[in-house]
Amino acid sequence: MSATRLLSVLLSLVLLAGVLPAPVASQTATTPPTSADADVAAGFANVFYVPGKAITCVGAAAIWVVIMAATLVFNYEDATHFAAGGCGGKWTVQGRDVAPAIQSANP
């Protein structure tokens, strides 16, 4: 596969992941429903956040490999903190994540 075709497929997947709305089942009764503006803002944020998170995860995995190789697997716990810090947590932004920022900007 040529590099241009691979890049276009990856970019398409990233844009698709950023535009898809949050699943309805993930919203609970304790959280207020998000507005349409917050969902749109989250979609635009995902265009940059998801690829940035993927780059951070790949970098953390590379650091994990270097630490494991340099210490001959003796420093496993410290190396694992890099992988958990780079690849853990949320991978997408949802409307309820940005809703408080939108509400405070519109008094």
PDB file of N, CA and C in Angstrom:
ATOM      1  N   MET A   1       0.849  -1.164   0.000  1.00  0.00           N
ATOM      2  CA  MET A   1       0.000   0.000   0.000  1.00  0.00           C
ATOM      3  C   MET A   1       0.899   1.231   0.000  1.00  0.00           C
ATOM      4  N   SER A   2       0.585   2.179  -0.863  1.00  0.00           N
ATOM      5  CA  SER A   2       1.415   3.370  -0.943  1.00  0.00           C
ATOM      6  C   SER A   2       1.198   4.248   0.290  1.00  0.00           C
ATOM      7  N   ALA A   3       2.168   5.094   0.527  1.00  0.00           N
ATOM      8  CA  ALA A   3       2.103   5.959   1.708  1.00  0.00           C
ATOM      9  C   ALA A   3       0.942   6.944   1.609  1.00  0.00           C
ATOM     10  N   THR A   4       0.654   7.432   0.417  1.00  0.00           N
ATOM     11  CA  THR A   4      -0.443   8.384   0.242  1.00  0.00           C
ATOM     12  C   THR A   4      -1.790   7.724   0.544  1.00  0.00           C
ATOM     13  N   ARG A   5      -1.940   6.498   0.075  1.00  0.00           N
ATOM     14  CA  ARG A   5      -3.205   5.799   0.321  1.00  0.00           C
ATOM     15  C   ARG A   5      -3.369   5.476   1.806  1.00  0.00           C
ATOM     16  N   LEU A   6      -2.281   5.053   2.456  1.00  0.00           N
ATOM     17  CA  LEU A   6      -2.335   4.763   3.885  1.00  0.00           C
ATOM     18  C   LEU A   6      -2.664   6.016   4.682  1.00  0.00           C
ATOM     19  N   LEU A   7      -2.053   7.126   4.320  1.00  0.00           N
ATOM     20  CA  LEU A   7      -2.317   8.384   5.012  1.00  0.00           C
ATOM     21  C   LEU A   7      -3.771   8.811   4.832  1.00  0.00           C
ATOM     22  N   SER A   8      -4.319   8.642   3.625  1.00  0.00           N
ATOM     23  CA  SER A   8      -5.709   9.039   3.405  1.00  0.00           C
ATOM     24  C   SER A   8      -6.675   8.141   4.177  1.00  0.00           C
ATOM     25  N   VAL A   9      -6.369   6.852   4.297  1.00  0.00           N
ATOM     26  CA  VAL A   9      -7.221   5.953   5.075  1.00  0.00           C
ATOM     27  C   VAL A   9      -7.171   6.327   6.557  1.00  0.00           C
ATOM     28  N   LEU A  10      -5.980   6.598   7.084  1.00  0.00           N
ATOM     29  CA  LEU A  10      -5.848   6.979   8.490  1.00  0.00           C
ATOM     30  C   LEU A  10      -6.567   8.292   8.779  1.00  0.00           C
ATOM     31  N   LEU A  11      -6.419   9.261   7.882  1.00  0.00           N
ATOM     32  CA  LEU A  11      -7.092  10.548   8.078  1.00  0.00           C
ATOM     33  C   LEU A  11      -8.600  10.381   8.036  1.00  0.00           C
ATOM     34  N   SER A  12      -9.094   9.537   7.151  1.00  0.00           N
ATOM     35  CA  SER A  12     -10.537   9.282   7.083  1.00  0.00           C
ATOM     36  C   SER A  12     -11.050   8.657   8.370  1.00  0.00           C
ATOM     37  N   LEU A  13     -10.301   7.697   8.924  1.00  0.00           N
ATOM     38  CA  LEU A  13     -10.717   7.068  10.173  1.00  0.00           C
ATOM     39  C   LEU A  13     -10.710   8.053  11.332  1.00  0.00           C
ATOM     40  N   VAL A  14      -9.713   8.923  11.375  1.00  0.00           N
ATOM     41  CA  VAL A  14      -9.636   9.915  12.448  1.00  0.00           C
ATOM     42  C   VAL A  14     -10.804  10.892  12.358  1.00  0.00           C
ATOM     43  N   LEU A  15     -11.106  11.351  11.156  1.00  0.00           N
ATOM     44  CA  LEU A  15     -12.223  12.270  10.999  1.00  0.00           C
ATOM     45  C   LEU A  15     -13.546  11.600  11.321  1.00  0.00           C
ATOM     46  N   LEU A  16     -13.688  10.338  10.939  1.00  0.00           N
ATOM     47  CA  LEU A  16     -14.909   9.610  11.251  1.00  0.00           C
ATOM     48  C   LEU A  16     -15.072   9.436  12.755  1.00  0.00           C
ATOM     49  N   ALA A  17     -13.994   9.116  13.452  1.00  0.00           N
ATOM     50  CA  ALA A  17     -14.067   8.946  14.903  1.00  0.00           C
ATOM     51  C   ALA A  17     -14.374  10.263  15.601  1.00  0.00           C
ATOM     52  N   GLY A  18     -13.906  11.363  15.062  1.00  0.00           N
ATOM     53  CA  GLY A  18     -14.141  12.655  15.680  1.00  0.00           C
ATOM     54  C   GLY A  18     -15.532  13.203  15.449  1.00  0.00           C
ATOM     55  N   VAL A  19     -16.199  12.768  14.385  1.00  0.00           N
ATOM     56  CA  VAL A  19     -17.498  13.314  14.041  1.00  0.00           C
ATOM     57  C   VAL A  19     -18.638  12.489  14.625  1.00  0.00           C
ATOM     58  N   LEU A  20     -18.383  11.219  14.899  1.00  0.00           N
ATOM     59  CA  LEU A  20     -19.442  10.372  15.437  1.00  0.00           C
ATOM     60  C   LEU A  20     -19.901  10.882  16.792  1.00  0.00           C
ATOM     61  N   PRO A  21     -21.191  10.942  17.018  1.00  0.00           N
ATOM     62  CA  PRO A  21     -21.676  11.428  18.316  1.00  0.00           C
ATOM     63  C   PRO A  21     -21.449  10.394  19.416  1.00  0.00           C
ATOM     64  N   ALA A  22     -21.531  10.853  20.633  1.00  0.00           N
ATOM     65  CA  ALA A  22     -21.382   9.960  21.779  1.00  0.00           C
ATOM     66  C   ALA A  22     -22.573   9.017  21.833  1.00  0.00           C
ATOM     67  N   PRO A  23     -22.351   7.772  22.257  1.00  0.00           N
ATOM     68  CA  PRO A  23     -23.480   6.847  22.350  1.00  0.00           C
ATOM     69  C   PRO A  23     -24.488   7.305  23.391  1.00  0.00           C
ATOM     70  N   VAL A  24     -25.748   7.082  23.108  1.00  0.00           N
ATOM     71  CA  VAL A  24     -26.812   7.509  24.010  1.00  0.00           C
ATOM     72  C   VAL A  24     -26.782   6.691  25.285  1.00  0.00           C
ATOM     73  N   ALA A  25     -26.389   5.433  25.218  1.00  0.00           N
ATOM     74  CA  ALA A  25     -26.391   4.565  26.390  1.00  0.00           C
ATOM     75  C   ALA A  25     -25.373   5.006  27.431  1.00  0.00           C
ATOM     76  N   SER A  26     -24.366   5.796  27.038  1.00  0.00           N
ATOM     77  CA  SER A  26     -23.349   6.205  28.005  1.00  0.00           C
ATOM     78  C   SER A  26     -23.835   7.330  28.918  1.00  0.00           C
ATOM     79  N   GLN A  27     -24.924   7.999  28.560  1.00  0.00           N
ATOM     80  CA  GLN A  27     -25.441   9.069  29.396  1.00  0.00           C
ATOM     81  C   GLN A  27     -26.300   8.473  30.506  1.00  0.00           C
ATOM     82  N   THR A  28     -26.043   8.906  31.708  1.00  0.00           N
ATOM     83  CA  THR A  28     -26.813   8.398  32.839  1.00  0.00           C
ATOM     84  C   THR A  28     -27.834   9.440  33.267  1.00  0.00           C
ATOM     85  N   ALA A  29     -28.718   9.048  34.144  1.00  0.00           N
ATOM     86  CA  ALA A  29     -29.774   9.949  34.597  1.00  0.00           C
ATOM     87  C   ALA A  29     -29.224  11.038  35.514  1.00  0.00           C
ATOM     88  N   THR A  30     -28.044  10.833  36.107  1.00  0.00           N
ATOM     89  CA  THR A  30     -27.508  11.815  37.035  1.00  0.00           C
ATOM     90  C   THR A  30     -26.848  12.981  36.311  1.00  0.00           C
ATOM     91  N   THR A  31     -26.444  12.793  35.071  1.00  0.00           N
ATOM     92  CA  THR A  31     -25.825  13.889  34.335  1.00  0.00           C
ATOM     93  C   THR A  31     -26.871  14.549  33.454  1.00  0.00           C
ATOM     94  N   PRO A  32     -26.846  15.864  33.393  1.00  0.00           N
ATOM     95  CA  PRO A  32     -27.841  16.545  32.553  1.00  0.00           C
ATOM     96  C   PRO A  32     -27.549  16.283  31.080  1.00  0.00           C
ATOM     97  N   PRO A  33     -28.571  16.260  30.256  1.00  0.00           N
ATOM     98  CA  PRO A  33     -28.334  16.042  28.836  1.00  0.00           C
ATOM     99  C   PRO A  33     -27.545  17.207  28.249  1.00  0.00           C
ATOM    100  N   THR A  34     -26.672  16.898  27.294  1.00  0.00           N
ATOM    101  CA  THR A  34     -25.832  17.931  26.707  1.00  0.00           C
ATOM    102  C   THR A  34     -26.573  18.622  25.577  1.00  0.00           C
ATOM    103  N   SER A  35     -26.188  19.839  25.317  1.00  0.00           N
ATOM    104  CA  SER A  35     -26.818  20.580  24.238  1.00  0.00           C
ATOM    105  C   SER A  35     -26.179  20.190  22.911  1.00  0.00           C
ATOM    106  N   ALA A  36     -26.809  20.565  21.846  1.00  0.00           N
ATOM    107  CA  ALA A  36     -26.282  20.262  20.513  1.00  0.00           C
ATOM    108  C   ALA A  36     -24.963  21.000  20.287  1.00  0.00           C
ATOM    109  N   ASP A  37     -24.839  22.187  20.868  1.00  0.00           N
ATOM    110  CA  ASP A  37     -23.592  22.937  20.714  1.00  0.00           C
ATOM    111  C   ASP A  37     -22.417  22.203  21.343  1.00  0.00           C
ATOM    112  N   ALA A  38     -22.639  21.587  22.470  1.00  0.00           N
ATOM    113  CA  ALA A  38     -21.570  20.860  23.143  1.00  0.00           C
ATOM    114  C   ALA A  38     -21.165  19.629  22.339  1.00  0.00           C
ATOM    115  N   ASP A  39     -22.116  18.950  21.715  1.00  0.00           N
ATOM    116  CA  ASP A  39     -21.790  17.785  20.898  1.00  0.00           C
ATOM    117  C   ASP A  39     -20.992  18.189  19.663  1.00  0.00           C
ATOM    118  N   VAL A  40     -21.353  19.306  19.063  1.00  0.00           N
ATOM    119  CA  VAL A  40     -20.620  19.789  17.892  1.00  0.00           C
ATOM    120  C   VAL A  40     -19.205  20.195  18.293  1.00  0.00           C
ATOM    121  N   ALA A  41     -19.075  20.888  19.414  1.00  0.00           N
ATOM    122  CA  ALA A  41     -17.751  21.294  19.886  1.00  0.00           C
ATOM    123  C   ALA A  41     -16.886  20.075  20.202  1.00  0.00           C
ATOM    124  N   ALA A  42     -17.485  19.051  20.777  1.00  0.00           N
ATOM    125  CA  ALA A  42     -16.741  17.826  21.080  1.00  0.00           C
ATOM    126  C   ALA A  42     -16.297  17.133  19.796  1.00  0.00           C
ATOM    127  N   GLY A  43     -17.126  17.140  18.780  1.00  0.00           N
ATOM    128  CA  GLY A  43     -16.743  16.555  17.494  1.00  0.00           C
ATOM    129  C   GLY A  43     -15.548  17.259  16.885  1.00  0.00           C
ATOM    130  N   PHE A  44     -15.542  18.587  16.932  1.00  0.00           N
ATOM    131  CA  PHE A  44     -14.395  19.328  16.416  1.00  0.00           C
ATOM    132  C   PHE A  44     -13.153  19.102  17.279  1.00  0.00           C
ATOM    133  N   ALA A  45     -13.324  19.005  18.563  1.00  0.00           N
ATOM    134  CA  ALA A  45     -12.184  18.758  19.451  1.00  0.00           C
ATOM    135  C   ALA A  45     -11.566  17.391  19.187  1.00  0.00           C
ATOM    136  N   ASN A  46     -12.386  16.406  18.857  1.00  0.00           N
ATOM    137  CA  ASN A  46     -11.879  15.064  18.593  1.00  0.00           C
ATOM    138  C   ASN A  46     -11.009  14.998  17.350  1.00  0.00           C
ATOM    139  N   VAL A  47     -11.214  15.911  16.413  1.00  0.00           N
ATOM    140  CA  VAL A  47     -10.387  15.929  15.205  1.00  0.00           C
ATOM    141  C   VAL A  47      -8.915  16.120  15.573  1.00  0.00           C
ATOM    142  N   PHE A  48      -8.649  16.870  16.623  1.00  0.00           N
ATOM    143  CA  PHE A  48      -7.272  17.087  17.057  1.00  0.00           C
ATOM    144  C   PHE A  48      -6.888  16.210  18.240  1.00  0.00           C
ATOM    145  N   TYR A  49      -7.842  15.917  19.109  1.00  0.00           N
ATOM    146  CA  TYR A  49      -7.530  15.187  20.339  1.00  0.00           C
ATOM    147  C   TYR A  49      -7.186  13.722  20.081  1.00  0.00           C
ATOM    148  N   VAL A  50      -7.948  13.049  19.228  1.00  0.00           N
ATOM    149  CA  VAL A  50      -7.727  11.623  18.984  1.00  0.00           C
ATOM    150  C   VAL A  50      -6.362  11.364  18.342  1.00  0.00           C
ATOM    151  N   PRO A  51      -5.976  12.084  17.273  1.00  0.00           N
ATOM    152  CA  PRO A  51      -4.633  11.848  16.735  1.00  0.00           C
ATOM    153  C   PRO A  51      -3.527  12.225  17.721  1.00  0.00           C
ATOM    154  N   GLY A  52      -3.740  13.282  18.499  1.00  0.00           N
ATOM    155  CA  GLY A  52      -2.751  13.654  19.513  1.00  0.00           C
ATOM    156  C   GLY A  52      -2.594  12.582  20.569  1.00  0.00           C
ATOM    157  N   LYS A  53      -3.703  11.988  20.968  1.00  0.00           N
ATOM    158  CA  LYS A  53      -3.661  10.905  21.952  1.00  0.00           C
ATOM    159  C   LYS A  53      -2.952   9.686  21.371  1.00  0.00           C
ATOM    160  N   ALA A  54      -3.186   9.394  20.085  1.00  0.00           N
ATOM    161  CA  ALA A  54      -2.520   8.260  19.442  1.00  0.00           C
ATOM    162  C   ALA A  54      -1.016   8.490  19.351  1.00  0.00           C
ATOM    163  N   ILE A  55      -0.608   9.697  19.024  1.00  0.00           N
ATOM    164  CA  ILE A  55       0.823  10.016  18.959  1.00  0.00           C
ATOM    165  C   ILE A  55       1.450   9.893  20.338  1.00  0.00           C
ATOM    166  N   THR A  56       0.761  10.378  21.361  1.00  0.00           N
ATOM    167  CA  THR A  56       1.261  10.271  22.725  1.00  0.00           C
ATOM    168  C   THR A  56       1.386   8.814  23.158  1.00  0.00           C
ATOM    169  N   CYS A  57       0.425   7.999  22.782  1.00  0.00           N
ATOM    170  CA  CYS A  57       0.455   6.581  23.149  1.00  0.00           C
ATOM    171  C   CYS A  57       1.616   5.867  22.462  1.00  0.00           C
ATOM    172  N   VAL A  58       1.833   6.141  21.193  1.00  0.00           N
ATOM    173  CA  VAL A  58       2.951   5.521  20.466  1.00  0.00           C
ATOM    174  C   VAL A  58       4.280   5.963  21.075  1.00  0.00           C
ATOM    175  N   GLY A  59       4.390   7.235  21.417  1.00  0.00           N
ATOM    176  CA  GLY A  59       5.618   7.717  22.058  1.00  0.00           C
ATOM    177  C   GLY A  59       5.850   7.077  23.410  1.00  0.00           C
ATOM    178  N   ALA A  60       4.787   6.918  24.177  1.00  0.00           N
ATOM    179  CA  ALA A  60       4.916   6.273  25.489  1.00  0.00           C
ATOM    180  C   ALA A  60       5.308   4.807  25.346  1.00  0.00           C
ATOM    181  N   ALA A  61       4.768   4.145  24.342  1.00  0.00           N
ATOM    182  CA  ALA A  61       5.143   2.746  24.107  1.00  0.00           C
ATOM    183  C   ALA A  61       6.608   2.633  23.698  1.00  0.00           C
ATOM    184  N   ALA A  62       7.085   3.580  22.906  1.00  0.00           N
ATOM    185  CA  ALA A  62       8.495   3.570  22.510  1.00  0.00           C
ATOM    186  C   ALA A  62       9.398   3.787  23.722  1.00  0.00           C
ATOM    187  N   ILE A  63       9.013   4.704  24.602  1.00  0.00           N
ATOM    188  CA  ILE A  63       9.801   4.933  25.821  1.00  0.00           C
ATOM    189  C   ILE A  63       9.780   3.688  26.699  1.00  0.00           C
ATOM    190  N   TRP A  64       8.620   3.007  26.760  1.00  0.00           N
ATOM    191  CA  TRP A  64       8.520   1.768  27.531  1.00  0.00           C
ATOM    192  C   TRP A  64       9.509   0.731  27.005  1.00  0.00           C
ATOM    193  N   VAL A  65       9.574   0.582  25.690  1.00  0.00           N
ATOM    194  CA  VAL A  65      10.500  -0.391  25.095  1.00  0.00           C
ATOM    195  C   VAL A  65      11.936  -0.024  25.405  1.00  0.00           C
ATOM    196  N   VAL A  66      12.287   1.245  25.311  1.00  0.00           N
ATOM    197  CA  VAL A  66      13.661   1.689  25.583  1.00  0.00           C
ATOM    198  C   VAL A  66      14.028   1.424  27.042  1.00  0.00           C
ATOM    199  N   ILE A  67      13.141   1.744  27.964  1.00  0.00           N
ATOM    200  CA  ILE A  67      13.426   1.517  29.387  1.00  0.00           C
ATOM    201  C   ILE A  67      13.578   0.027  29.662  1.00  0.00           C
ATOM    202  N   MET A  68      12.687  -0.774  29.090  1.00  0.00           N
ATOM    203  CA  MET A  68      12.768  -2.219  29.310  1.00  0.00           C
ATOM    204  C   MET A  68      14.075  -2.789  28.758  1.00  0.00           C
ATOM    205  N   ALA A  69      14.491  -2.325  27.591  1.00  0.00           N
ATOM    206  CA  ALA A  69      15.726  -2.827  26.995  1.00  0.00           C
ATOM    207  C   ALA A  69      16.957  -2.334  27.760  1.00  0.00           C
ATOM    208  N   ALA A  70      16.938  -1.071  28.172  1.00  0.00           N
ATOM    209  CA  ALA A  70      18.106  -0.502  28.846  1.00  0.00           C
ATOM    210  C   ALA A  70      18.317  -1.094  30.237  1.00  0.00           C
ATOM    211  N   THR A  71      17.236  -1.462  30.915  1.00  0.00           N
ATOM    212  CA  THR A  71      17.367  -1.973  32.282  1.00  0.00           C
ATOM    213  C   THR A  71      17.238  -3.490  32.352  1.00  0.00           C
ATOM    214  N   LEU A  72      17.163  -4.136  31.189  1.00  0.00           N
ATOM    215  CA  LEU A  72      17.026  -5.595  31.121  1.00  0.00           C
ATOM    216  C   LEU A  72      15.825  -6.076  31.941  1.00  0.00           C
ATOM    217  N   VAL A  73      14.717  -5.400  31.826  1.00  0.00           N
ATOM    218  CA  VAL A  73      13.422  -5.699  32.417  1.00  0.00           C
ATOM    219  C   VAL A  73      13.413  -5.556  33.944  1.00  0.00           C
ATOM    220  N   PHE A  74      14.455  -4.992  34.536  1.00  0.00           N
ATOM    221  CA  PHE A  74      14.473  -4.809  35.986  1.00  0.00           C
ATOM    222  C   PHE A  74      13.628  -3.624  36.437  1.00  0.00           C
ATOM    223  N   ASN A  75      13.387  -2.671  35.553  1.00  0.00           N
ATOM    224  CA  ASN A  75      12.653  -1.470  35.914  1.00  0.00           C
ATOM    225  C   ASN A  75      11.256  -1.503  35.304  1.00  0.00           C
ATOM    226  N   TYR A  76      10.595  -2.637  35.425  1.00  0.00           N
ATOM    227  CA  TYR A  76       9.301  -2.852  34.786  1.00  0.00           C
ATOM    228  C   TYR A  76       8.225  -1.897  35.314  1.00  0.00           C
ATOM    229  N   GLU A  77       8.147  -1.697  36.609  1.00  0.00           N
ATOM    230  CA  GLU A  77       7.094  -0.852  37.180  1.00  0.00           C
ATOM    231  C   GLU A  77       7.200   0.590  36.719  1.00  0.00           C
ATOM    232  N   ASP A  78       8.408   1.145  36.708  1.00  0.00           N
ATOM    233  CA  ASP A  78       8.566   2.522  36.244  1.00  0.00           C
ATOM    234  C   ASP A  78       8.268   2.652  34.756  1.00  0.00           C
ATOM    235  N   ALA A  79       8.656   1.654  33.986  1.00  0.00           N
ATOM    236  CA  ALA A  79       8.373   1.692  32.553  1.00  0.00           C
ATOM    237  C   ALA A  79       6.881   1.608  32.284  1.00  0.00           C
ATOM    238  N   THR A  80       6.170   0.884  33.110  1.00  0.00           N
ATOM    239  CA  THR A  80       4.727   0.738  32.932  1.00  0.00           C
ATOM    240  C   THR A  80       3.994   2.055  33.165  1.00  0.00           C
ATOM    241  N   HIS A  81       4.538   2.921  34.023  1.00  0.00           N
ATOM    242  CA  HIS A  81       3.919   4.225  34.260  1.00  0.00           C
ATOM    243  C   HIS A  81       3.900   5.066  32.983  1.00  0.00           C
ATOM    244  N   PHE A  82       4.928   4.947  32.145  1.00  0.00           N
ATOM    245  CA  PHE A  82       4.937   5.680  30.881  1.00  0.00           C
ATOM    246  C   PHE A  82       3.826   5.195  29.964  1.00  0.00           C
ATOM    247  N   ALA A  83       3.684   3.884  29.853  1.00  0.00           N
ATOM    248  CA  ALA A  83       2.650   3.333  28.979  1.00  0.00           C
ATOM    249  C   ALA A  83       1.259   3.674  29.499  1.00  0.00           C
ATOM    250  N   ALA A  84       1.044   3.573  30.804  1.00  0.00           N
ATOM    251  CA  ALA A  84      -0.263   3.882  31.372  1.00  0.00           C
ATOM    252  C   ALA A  84      -0.587   5.368  31.245  1.00  0.00           C
ATOM    253  N   GLY A  85       0.412   6.208  31.401  1.00  0.00           N
ATOM    254  CA  GLY A  85       0.184   7.643  31.285  1.00  0.00           C
ATOM    255  C   GLY A  85      -0.110   8.080  29.862  1.00  0.00           C
ATOM    256  N   GLY A  86       0.533   7.460  28.901  1.00  0.00           N
ATOM    257  CA  GLY A  86       0.325   7.847  27.512  1.00  0.00           C
ATOM    258  C   GLY A  86      -0.891   7.219  26.879  1.00  0.00           C
ATOM    259  N   CYS A  87      -1.209   5.992  27.248  1.00  0.00           N
ATOM    260  CA  CYS A  87      -2.300   5.267  26.582  1.00  0.00           C
ATOM    261  C   CYS A  87      -3.562   5.171  27.430  1.00  0.00           C
ATOM    262  N   GLY A  88      -3.495   5.509  28.694  1.00  0.00           N
ATOM    263  CA  GLY A  88      -4.659   5.393  29.559  1.00  0.00           C
ATOM    264  C   GLY A  88      -5.576   6.591  29.444  1.00  0.00           C
ATOM    265  N   GLY A  89      -6.683   6.501  30.107  1.00  0.00           N
ATOM    266  CA  GLY A  89      -7.623   7.614  30.132  1.00  0.00           C
ATOM    267  C   GLY A  89      -8.579   7.609  28.957  1.00  0.00           C
ATOM    268  N   LYS A  90      -9.237   8.734  28.768  1.00  0.00           N
ATOM    269  CA  LYS A  90     -10.243   8.853  27.719  1.00  0.00           C
ATOM    270  C   LYS A  90      -9.568   9.076  26.365  1.00  0.00           C
ATOM    271  N   TRP A  91     -10.144   8.492  25.333  1.00  0.00           N
ATOM    272  CA  TRP A  91      -9.610   8.643  23.983  1.00  0.00           C
ATOM    273  C   TRP A  91     -10.475   9.556  23.124  1.00  0.00           C
ATOM    274  N   THR A  92     -11.635   9.926  23.591  1.00  0.00           N
ATOM    275  CA  THR A  92     -12.491  10.850  22.845  1.00  0.00           C
ATOM    276  C   THR A  92     -13.093  11.874  23.798  1.00  0.00           C
ATOM    277  N   VAL A  93     -13.458  13.008  23.240  1.00  0.00           N
ATOM    278  CA  VAL A  93     -14.134  14.056  23.991  1.00  0.00           C
ATOM    279  C   VAL A  93     -15.617  13.948  23.678  1.00  0.00           C
ATOM    280  N   GLN A  94     -16.441  14.008  24.695  1.00  0.00           N
ATOM    281  CA  GLN A  94     -17.886  13.947  24.505  1.00  0.00           C
ATOM    282  C   GLN A  94     -18.505  15.287  24.851  1.00  0.00           C
ATOM    283  N   GLY A  95     -19.740  15.457  24.465  1.00  0.00           N
ATOM    284  CA  GLY A  95     -20.420  16.728  24.678  1.00  0.00           C
ATOM    285  C   GLY A  95     -20.476  17.148  26.127  1.00  0.00           C
ATOM    286  N   ARG A  96     -20.672  16.194  27.026  1.00  0.00           N
ATOM    287  CA  ARG A  96     -20.757  16.550  28.443  1.00  0.00           C
ATOM    288  C   ARG A  96     -19.407  16.999  29.011  1.00  0.00           C
ATOM    289  N   ASP A  97     -18.300  16.680  28.304  1.00  0.00           N
ATOM    290  CA  ASP A  97     -16.983  17.129  28.759  1.00  0.00           C
ATOM    291  C   ASP A  97     -16.774  18.614  28.499  1.00  0.00           C
ATOM    292  N   VAL A  98     -17.361  19.129  27.426  1.00  0.00           N
ATOM    293  CA  VAL A  98     -17.170  20.535  27.084  1.00  0.00           C
ATOM    294  C   VAL A  98     -18.375  21.398  27.415  1.00  0.00           C
ATOM    295  N   ALA A  99     -19.473  20.809  27.872  1.00  0.00           N
ATOM    296  CA  ALA A  99     -20.691  21.570  28.168  1.00  0.00           C
ATOM    297  C   ALA A  99     -20.476  22.660  29.223  1.00  0.00           C
ATOM    298  N   PRO A 100     -19.763  22.397  30.338  1.00  0.00           N
ATOM    299  CA  PRO A 100     -19.567  23.485  31.307  1.00  0.00           C
ATOM    300  C   PRO A 100     -18.795  24.664  30.718  1.00  0.00           C
ATOM    301  N   ALA A 101     -17.852  24.407  29.830  1.00  0.00           N
ATOM    302  CA  ALA A 101     -17.089  25.502  29.233  1.00  0.00           C
ATOM    303  C   ALA A 101     -17.967  26.331  28.310  1.00  0.00           C
ATOM    304  N   ILE A 102     -18.857  25.686  27.582  1.00  0.00           N
ATOM    305  CA  ILE A 102     -19.759  26.409  26.692  1.00  0.00           C
ATOM    306  C   ILE A 102     -20.777  27.206  27.488  1.00  0.00           C
ATOM    307  N   GLN A 103     -21.282  26.644  28.595  1.00  0.00           N
ATOM    308  CA  GLN A 103     -22.279  27.349  29.412  1.00  0.00           C
ATOM    309  C   GLN A 103     -21.665  28.566  30.102  1.00  0.00           C
ATOM    310  N   SER A 104     -20.409  28.476  30.529  1.00  0.00           N
ATOM    311  CA  SER A 104     -19.792  29.615  31.190  1.00  0.00           C
ATOM    312  C   SER A 104     -19.411  30.698  30.177  1.00  0.00           C
ATOM    313  N   ALA A 105     -19.211  30.329  28.916  1.00  0.00           N
ATOM    314  CA  ALA A 105     -18.886  31.328  27.906  1.00  0.00           C
ATOM    315  C   ALA A 105     -20.114  32.093  27.447  1.00  0.00           C
ATOM    316  N   ASN A 106     -21.303  31.518  27.617  1.00  0.00           N
ATOM    317  CA  ASN A 106     -22.549  32.170  27.230  1.00  0.00           C
ATOM    318  C   ASN A 106     -23.373  32.484  28.488  1.00  0.00           C
ATOM    319  N   PRO A 107     -23.109  33.626  29.131  1.00  0.00           N
ATOM    320  CA  PRO A 107     -23.852  33.949  30.368  1.00  0.00           C
ATOM    321  C   PRO A 107     -25.282  34.311  30.109  1.00  0.00           C
TER     322      PRO A 107
END
